[in-house]
Amino acid sequence: MPRSWKTLLGLAPVAAGLIGCRAEQFPQSTLHPRSDFAWAIQDLFTGIFWWAVVVFVVVEGILLYAVFRYRARPGAPPPRPVHGHTLLEIAWTLAPALVLVLIAVPTIRTIFHTAGKAPPGALRVEVVGHQWWWEFRYPELGIVTANELHLPVGRPVALELTSADVIHSFWAPALGGKRDVILSRTNRIALTADSEGVYLGQCAEFCGASHANMRLRVVVQSDSGFAAWVAAQRAGPVAPAPGTLEERGRQAYARSACIACHTVQGVSAGRVGPDLTHLGSRQTIASGLFANTPENLARWIEDAPALKPGSLMPKMVLTPEDRDAIVAYLRSLR
């Protein structure tokens, strides 16, 4: 058997395995839409794919016919040339033009459909890209959070995107296409999520040393779940009981350099880094890079640049006692 055939047969199981992959194995796949925006793109992709299949079948069919019909035979006369055949030249000029029209019309319709105009009553969320984390502001609800975007299922949402520094790109593949995030400019995404769940995303525009670590999570919740989240976010953090480890952590936090960069309602009002008022309720830290566990939070507080290249958060000089107390305090902020 020729080596080329052996190679193809060897790749067959790999191809079969890839075809059988589920959404859970590739959480940032664009092929599992979960919003009207994503479905519009999926329908466009599907239509173009089948037109590509038709073109492939027709072209390959003609090619195979020509190969077998006009193959060289002993004693056969040379084939009759078709150069200058008016009908053929018109056909192979009009056919690609027709295919392009059939692709262009639905493409333009999808571009206008997903242009970012939200219907009245849509939930407004201001998305601000920073090096290297995401800030989410809900101006109508009075909420500011970071890296985890909470949305209600079935309700239109208007995302207004801008940057605090360089160009970023907001991308949550299951919910819709990319949008550039640019300083002094507001781009928009309008979408309605149709399924509850947690959908991963990230920055899709190279923006510096930790571009690949600029991740995000979109948490789509039921109406009651979203309302409960809003109520918890609006409420200030519960003051720790006197004499507890959390109270000692609050005091250590208040006298450390943390207060210069981070907001904690009732304690500090820094605006450089993410708002930490409800850090304990988040699933991840460091813009989705690590799970929100005591061990990871302690490592992050001790030496953030060692874990995330280019991090603006400096290495903190803390005693082990103060570090552990601050960890306990931050994890109590729910």
Protein backbone atom coordinates (compact mmCIF):
# COMPACT_ATOMS: atom_id res chain seq x y z
CA MET A 1 0.00 0.00 0.00
CA PRO A 2 1.41 3.45 -0.90
CA ARG A 3 2.65 5.54 2.02
CA SER A 4 0.16 8.33 1.22
CA TRP A 5 -2.78 5.93 1.67
CA LYS A 6 -1.32 4.65 4.93
CA THR A 7 -1.09 8.25 6.17
CA LEU A 8 -4.72 8.95 5.25
CA LEU A 9 -5.91 5.77 6.96
CA GLY A 10 -3.87 6.67 10.03
CA LEU A 11 -5.52 10.08 10.22
CA ALA A 12 -9.04 8.67 9.89
CA PRO A 13 -9.47 7.86 13.62
CA VAL A 14 -8.25 11.35 14.50
CA ALA A 15 -10.77 12.92 12.14
CA ALA A 16 -13.54 10.72 13.52
CA GLY A 17 -12.61 11.73 17.05
CA LEU A 18 -12.69 15.43 16.18
CA ILE A 19 -16.09 15.06 14.52
CA GLY A 20 -17.45 13.45 17.67
CA CYS A 21 -16.19 16.13 20.06
CA ARG A 22 -18.76 17.71 22.31
CA ALA A 23 -19.20 21.36 23.28
CA GLU A 24 -17.85 20.63 26.78
CA GLN A 25 -14.51 19.62 25.32
CA PHE A 26 -14.15 22.90 23.43
CA PRO A 27 -15.97 25.51 25.54
CA GLN A 28 -14.94 28.37 23.24
CA SER A 29 -16.24 26.76 20.06
CA THR A 30 -18.33 29.00 17.81
CA LEU A 31 -20.32 25.97 16.62
CA HIS A 32 -22.61 25.80 19.67
CA PRO A 33 -24.61 29.08 19.58
CA ARG A 34 -26.36 30.27 22.72
CA SER A 35 -27.81 33.63 21.62
CA ASP A 36 -29.68 35.18 18.71
CA PHE A 37 -26.46 36.96 17.66
CA ALA A 38 -24.54 33.67 17.59
CA TRP A 39 -27.35 31.87 15.76
CA ALA A 40 -27.34 34.54 13.03
CA ILE A 41 -23.63 33.92 12.47
CA GLN A 42 -24.13 30.15 12.61
CA ASP A 43 -26.93 30.29 9.99
CA LEU A 44 -24.72 32.40 7.72
CA PHE A 45 -21.82 29.97 8.14
CA THR A 46 -24.06 26.98 7.42
CA GLY A 47 -25.44 28.56 4.25
CA ILE A 48 -21.99 29.46 2.93
CA PHE A 49 -20.70 25.99 3.83
CA TRP A 50 -23.36 24.26 1.73
CA TRP A 51 -22.73 26.59 -1.20
CA ALA A 52 -19.06 25.65 -0.89
CA VAL A 53 -20.07 21.97 -0.96
CA VAL A 54 -22.12 22.53 -4.13
CA VAL A 55 -19.21 24.33 -5.82
CA PHE A 56 -16.79 21.60 -4.75
CA VAL A 57 -19.01 18.80 -6.06
CA VAL A 58 -19.64 20.55 -9.40
CA VAL A 59 -16.01 21.51 -9.98
CA GLU A 60 -14.61 18.13 -8.93
CA GLY A 61 -17.28 16.34 -10.98
CA ILE A 62 -16.34 18.27 -14.11
CA LEU A 63 -12.66 17.69 -13.37
CA LEU A 64 -13.10 13.92 -12.96
CA TYR A 65 -15.25 13.76 -16.08
CA ALA A 66 -12.57 15.59 -18.07
CA VAL A 67 -9.80 13.37 -16.68
CA PHE A 68 -11.52 10.13 -17.64
CA ARG A 69 -13.31 11.29 -20.79
CA TYR A 70 -10.29 12.93 -22.38
CA ARG A 71 -7.46 10.80 -21.03
CA ALA A 72 -4.76 9.80 -23.47
CA ARG A 73 -5.42 6.59 -25.41
CA PRO A 74 -3.11 4.80 -27.84
CA GLY A 75 -3.92 5.93 -31.38
CA ALA A 76 -6.57 8.45 -30.31
CA PRO A 77 -6.55 11.84 -32.08
CA PRO A 78 -5.78 15.01 -30.06
CA PRO A 79 -8.85 16.42 -28.27
CA ARG A 80 -10.66 19.28 -29.96
CA PRO A 81 -9.63 22.60 -28.34
CA VAL A 82 -12.34 24.78 -26.78
CA HIS A 83 -10.40 28.04 -26.62
CA GLY A 84 -12.69 30.87 -27.61
CA HIS A 85 -15.86 28.88 -26.91
CA THR A 86 -18.29 31.74 -26.22
CA LEU A 87 -20.90 29.71 -24.34
CA LEU A 88 -18.34 28.11 -22.00
CA GLU A 89 -16.64 31.42 -21.27
CA ILE A 90 -19.98 33.05 -20.43
CA ALA A 91 -20.89 30.10 -18.20
CA TRP A 92 -17.70 30.06 -16.16
CA THR A 93 -17.89 33.84 -15.76
CA LEU A 94 -21.55 33.97 -14.69
CA ALA A 95 -21.44 30.93 -12.39
CA PRO A 96 -18.89 32.38 -9.91
CA ALA A 97 -20.65 35.77 -10.06
CA LEU A 98 -23.95 34.08 -9.17
CA VAL A 99 -22.34 32.20 -6.28
CA LEU A 100 -20.82 35.44 -4.96
CA VAL A 101 -24.23 37.14 -5.08
CA LEU A 102 -25.84 34.23 -3.22
CA ILE A 103 -23.14 34.58 -0.53
CA ALA A 104 -23.05 38.38 -0.42
CA VAL A 105 -26.78 38.95 0.11
CA PRO A 106 -27.14 36.88 3.32
CA THR A 107 -23.75 38.17 4.53
CA ILE A 108 -24.84 41.80 4.23
CA ARG A 109 -28.18 41.01 5.87
CA THR A 110 -26.36 39.37 8.79
CA ILE A 111 -23.99 42.34 9.14
CA PHE A 112 -26.93 44.72 9.50
CA HIS A 113 -28.82 42.28 11.76
CA THR A 114 -25.88 42.07 14.16
CA ALA A 115 -24.85 45.72 13.96
CA GLY A 116 -25.45 46.27 17.66
CA LYS A 117 -28.81 48.08 17.80
CA ALA A 118 -30.67 46.81 20.85
CA PRO A 119 -34.47 47.02 21.26
CA PRO A 120 -36.04 49.34 23.87
CA GLY A 121 -35.81 48.00 27.40
CA ALA A 122 -32.55 46.14 26.82
CA LEU A 123 -30.20 45.76 29.77
CA ARG A 124 -27.26 48.15 29.33
CA VAL A 125 -23.78 46.97 30.28
CA GLU A 126 -20.68 49.09 29.82
CA VAL A 127 -17.66 46.90 29.02
CA VAL A 128 -14.24 48.45 29.61
CA GLY A 129 -11.08 46.65 28.54
CA HIS A 130 -7.96 47.11 30.67
CA GLN A 131 -4.49 45.60 30.49
CA TRP A 132 -5.30 42.78 31.28
CA TRP A 133 -8.78 42.43 32.75
CA TRP A 134 -12.41 43.30 32.00
CA GLU A 135 -14.60 45.77 33.85
CA PHE A 136 -18.39 45.48 33.63
CA ARG A 137 -20.61 48.38 34.67
CA TYR A 138 -24.40 48.23 34.94
CA PRO A 139 -25.32 51.96 34.97
CA GLU A 140 -29.05 51.36 35.45
CA LEU A 141 -28.44 48.97 38.35
CA GLY A 142 -25.56 50.80 40.04
CA ILE A 143 -23.28 47.76 39.86
CA VAL A 144 -19.59 47.51 38.94
CA THR A 145 -17.83 44.15 38.72
CA ALA A 146 -14.90 42.54 36.94
CA ASN A 147 -14.18 39.61 34.63
CA GLU A 148 -17.53 37.85 35.18
CA LEU A 149 -20.42 39.24 33.16
CA HIS A 150 -23.85 38.25 34.53
CA LEU A 151 -26.83 38.34 32.14
CA PRO A 152 -30.49 37.26 32.40
CA VAL A 153 -31.62 34.57 29.99
CA GLY A 154 -34.13 35.67 27.37
CA ARG A 155 -33.69 39.43 27.92
CA PRO A 156 -32.10 41.67 25.27
CA VAL A 157 -28.72 43.06 26.34
CA ALA A 158 -26.86 46.08 24.96
CA LEU A 159 -23.10 45.86 25.49
CA GLU A 160 -21.28 49.18 25.08
CA LEU A 161 -17.58 48.52 24.64
CA THR A 162 -14.64 50.87 25.13
CA SER A 163 -11.03 50.69 26.34
CA ALA A 164 -9.07 52.31 29.13
CA ASP A 165 -5.74 51.90 27.32
CA VAL A 166 -4.86 49.95 24.16
CA ILE A 167 -7.05 48.17 21.60
CA HIS A 168 -8.68 44.98 22.90
CA SER A 169 -11.38 42.76 21.39
CA PHE A 170 -14.35 41.33 23.31
CA TRP A 171 -15.18 37.77 22.31
CA ALA A 172 -17.49 35.24 23.95
CA PRO A 173 -17.79 32.71 21.07
CA ALA A 174 -21.00 30.99 22.22
CA LEU A 175 -22.82 34.33 22.42
CA GLY A 176 -21.58 36.20 19.37
CA GLY A 177 -18.82 37.55 17.21
CA LYS A 178 -15.89 39.73 18.16
CA ARG A 179 -16.03 43.49 18.62
CA ASP A 180 -12.95 45.68 18.89
CA VAL A 181 -12.63 47.63 22.14
CA ILE A 182 -10.98 50.99 21.41
CA LEU A 183 -10.01 53.98 23.56
CA SER A 184 -12.31 57.03 23.07
CA ARG A 185 -14.73 55.02 20.93
CA THR A 186 -17.83 53.02 21.80
CA ASN A 187 -18.66 49.86 19.85
CA ARG A 188 -21.79 47.85 20.52
CA ILE A 189 -23.09 44.31 20.68
CA ALA A 190 -26.79 43.51 21.05
CA LEU A 191 -27.75 39.97 21.96
CA THR A 192 -30.30 37.84 23.75
CA ALA A 193 -28.93 34.73 25.44
CA ASP A 194 -31.23 31.73 25.03
CA SER A 195 -29.69 29.22 27.45
CA GLU A 196 -28.52 29.38 31.03
CA GLY A 197 -24.89 28.48 31.68
CA VAL A 198 -21.35 29.76 31.99
CA TYR A 199 -19.71 30.71 28.69
CA LEU A 200 -16.01 31.40 28.36
CA GLY A 201 -14.42 34.19 26.36
CA GLN A 202 -11.27 36.25 26.07
CA CYS A 203 -9.59 39.18 24.40
CA ALA A 204 -9.14 38.47 20.69
CA GLU A 205 -6.80 41.37 19.83
CA PHE A 206 -3.14 41.25 20.82
CA CYS A 207 -2.77 43.86 23.57
CA GLY A 208 0.51 43.14 25.34
CA ALA A 209 2.38 40.63 27.45
CA SER A 210 -0.69 39.02 29.07
CA HIS A 211 -3.06 39.18 26.12
CA ALA A 212 -3.60 35.42 26.30
CA ASN A 213 -4.42 35.74 30.01
CA MET A 214 -7.16 38.35 29.49
CA ARG A 215 -10.09 35.99 29.92
CA LEU A 216 -13.72 36.44 30.87
CA ARG A 217 -16.81 34.47 31.88
CA VAL A 218 -20.38 35.19 30.93
CA VAL A 219 -22.85 33.80 33.46
CA VAL A 220 -26.35 33.55 31.98
CA GLN A 221 -28.95 33.12 34.71
CA SER A 222 -32.69 32.76 35.12
CA ASP A 223 -34.66 35.89 35.95
CA SER A 224 -34.76 34.95 39.64
CA GLY A 225 -31.08 34.02 39.70
CA PHE A 226 -30.08 37.28 38.04
CA ALA A 227 -32.31 39.28 40.41
CA ALA A 228 -30.67 37.56 43.38
CA TRP A 229 -27.23 38.37 42.01
CA VAL A 230 -28.20 42.01 41.50
CA ALA A 231 -29.51 42.25 45.07
CA ALA A 232 -26.31 40.74 46.45
CA GLN A 233 -24.14 43.08 44.38
CA ARG A 234 -26.11 46.14 45.47
CA ALA A 235 -25.76 45.23 49.13
CA GLY A 236 -22.53 46.27 50.77
CA PRO A 237 -20.18 43.64 52.14
CA VAL A 238 -21.04 42.31 55.59
CA ALA A 239 -18.64 43.68 58.19
CA PRO A 240 -16.58 40.88 59.76
CA ALA A 241 -17.13 40.11 63.43
CA PRO A 242 -14.63 41.68 65.86
CA GLY A 243 -11.68 39.50 66.76
CA THR A 244 -12.03 37.20 63.75
CA LEU A 245 -9.38 36.44 61.15
CA GLU A 246 -11.52 38.30 58.60
CA GLU A 247 -11.53 41.43 60.79
CA ARG A 248 -7.75 41.30 61.12
CA GLY A 249 -7.62 40.93 57.35
CA ARG A 250 -9.79 44.02 56.89
CA GLN A 251 -7.40 46.02 59.04
CA ALA A 252 -4.36 44.64 57.18
CA TYR A 253 -6.00 45.44 53.85
CA ALA A 254 -6.76 49.01 54.97
CA ARG A 255 -3.14 49.72 55.87
CA SER A 256 -1.60 48.01 52.84
CA ALA A 257 -0.94 49.30 49.33
CA CYS A 258 -4.10 47.48 48.14
CA ILE A 259 -6.30 50.49 48.93
CA ALA A 260 -4.49 52.64 46.35
CA CYS A 261 -5.71 50.51 43.43
CA HIS A 262 -8.82 48.57 44.46
CA THR A 263 -12.32 49.53 45.51
CA VAL A 264 -13.95 47.78 48.45
CA GLN A 265 -17.18 49.50 49.42
CA GLY A 266 -16.79 51.20 52.79
CA VAL A 267 -13.03 50.58 52.97
CA SER A 268 -11.20 51.88 49.87
CA ALA A 269 -11.92 53.60 46.56
CA GLY A 270 -8.95 52.82 44.29
CA ARG A 271 -9.77 52.75 40.57
CA VAL A 272 -6.68 51.21 38.95
CA GLY A 273 -7.51 47.54 39.46
CA PRO A 274 -10.73 45.50 39.61
CA ASP A 275 -13.47 46.30 42.13
CA LEU A 276 -13.07 43.77 44.98
CA THR A 277 -16.30 44.54 46.85
CA HIS A 278 -17.74 41.10 46.07
CA LEU A 279 -14.58 39.20 45.17
CA GLY A 280 -15.57 36.20 47.29
CA SER A 281 -18.58 35.51 45.05
CA ARG A 282 -16.51 35.20 41.87
CA GLN A 283 -15.45 31.87 40.43
CA THR A 284 -12.01 33.01 39.32
CA ILE A 285 -9.30 35.58 39.98
CA ALA A 286 -6.67 37.27 37.77
CA SER A 287 -9.13 37.75 34.89
CA GLY A 288 -10.17 34.11 34.77
CA LEU A 289 -6.65 32.74 35.00
CA PHE A 290 -7.02 30.87 38.31
CA ALA A 291 -9.84 29.38 40.34
CA ASN A 292 -10.84 31.53 43.30
CA THR A 293 -9.31 29.39 46.05
CA PRO A 294 -7.45 30.49 49.19
CA GLU A 295 -4.22 29.02 47.86
CA ASN A 296 -4.42 30.80 44.49
CA LEU A 297 -5.49 34.07 46.07
CA ALA A 298 -2.52 33.93 48.48
CA ARG A 299 -0.11 33.28 45.61
CA TRP A 300 -1.64 36.12 43.61
CA ILE A 301 -1.40 38.63 46.47
CA GLU A 302 2.21 37.65 47.17
CA ASP A 303 3.59 37.95 43.65
CA ALA A 304 1.13 38.70 40.86
CA PRO A 305 3.79 39.47 38.18
CA ALA A 306 5.25 35.99 38.64
CA LEU A 307 1.87 34.47 37.76
CA LYS A 308 0.74 36.91 35.06
CA PRO A 309 3.42 38.56 32.90
CA GLY A 310 3.18 42.33 32.79
CA SER A 311 0.71 42.54 35.65
CA LEU A 312 0.39 46.10 36.95
CA MET A 313 -0.17 44.72 40.44
CA PRO A 314 3.25 44.77 42.14
CA LYS A 315 4.74 42.11 44.36
CA MET A 316 3.29 42.72 47.83
CA VAL A 317 5.53 42.76 50.91
CA LEU A 318 3.38 41.20 53.61
CA THR A 319 3.95 38.97 56.57
CA PRO A 320 2.46 35.48 56.22
CA GLU A 321 -0.02 36.38 58.97
CA ASP A 322 -1.22 39.52 57.18
CA ARG A 323 -1.38 37.69 53.84
CA ASP A 324 -3.54 34.90 55.24
CA ALA A 325 -5.77 37.39 57.03
CA ILE A 326 -6.29 39.44 53.86
CA VAL A 327 -7.11 36.25 51.95
CA ALA A 328 -9.74 35.35 54.54
CA TYR A 329 -11.18 38.87 54.41
CA LEU A 330 -11.36 39.04 50.61
CA ARG A 331 -13.00 35.63 50.38
CA SER A 332 -15.64 36.79 52.88
CA LEU A 333 -16.67 39.62 50.53
CA ARG A 334 -19.78 38.13 48.96
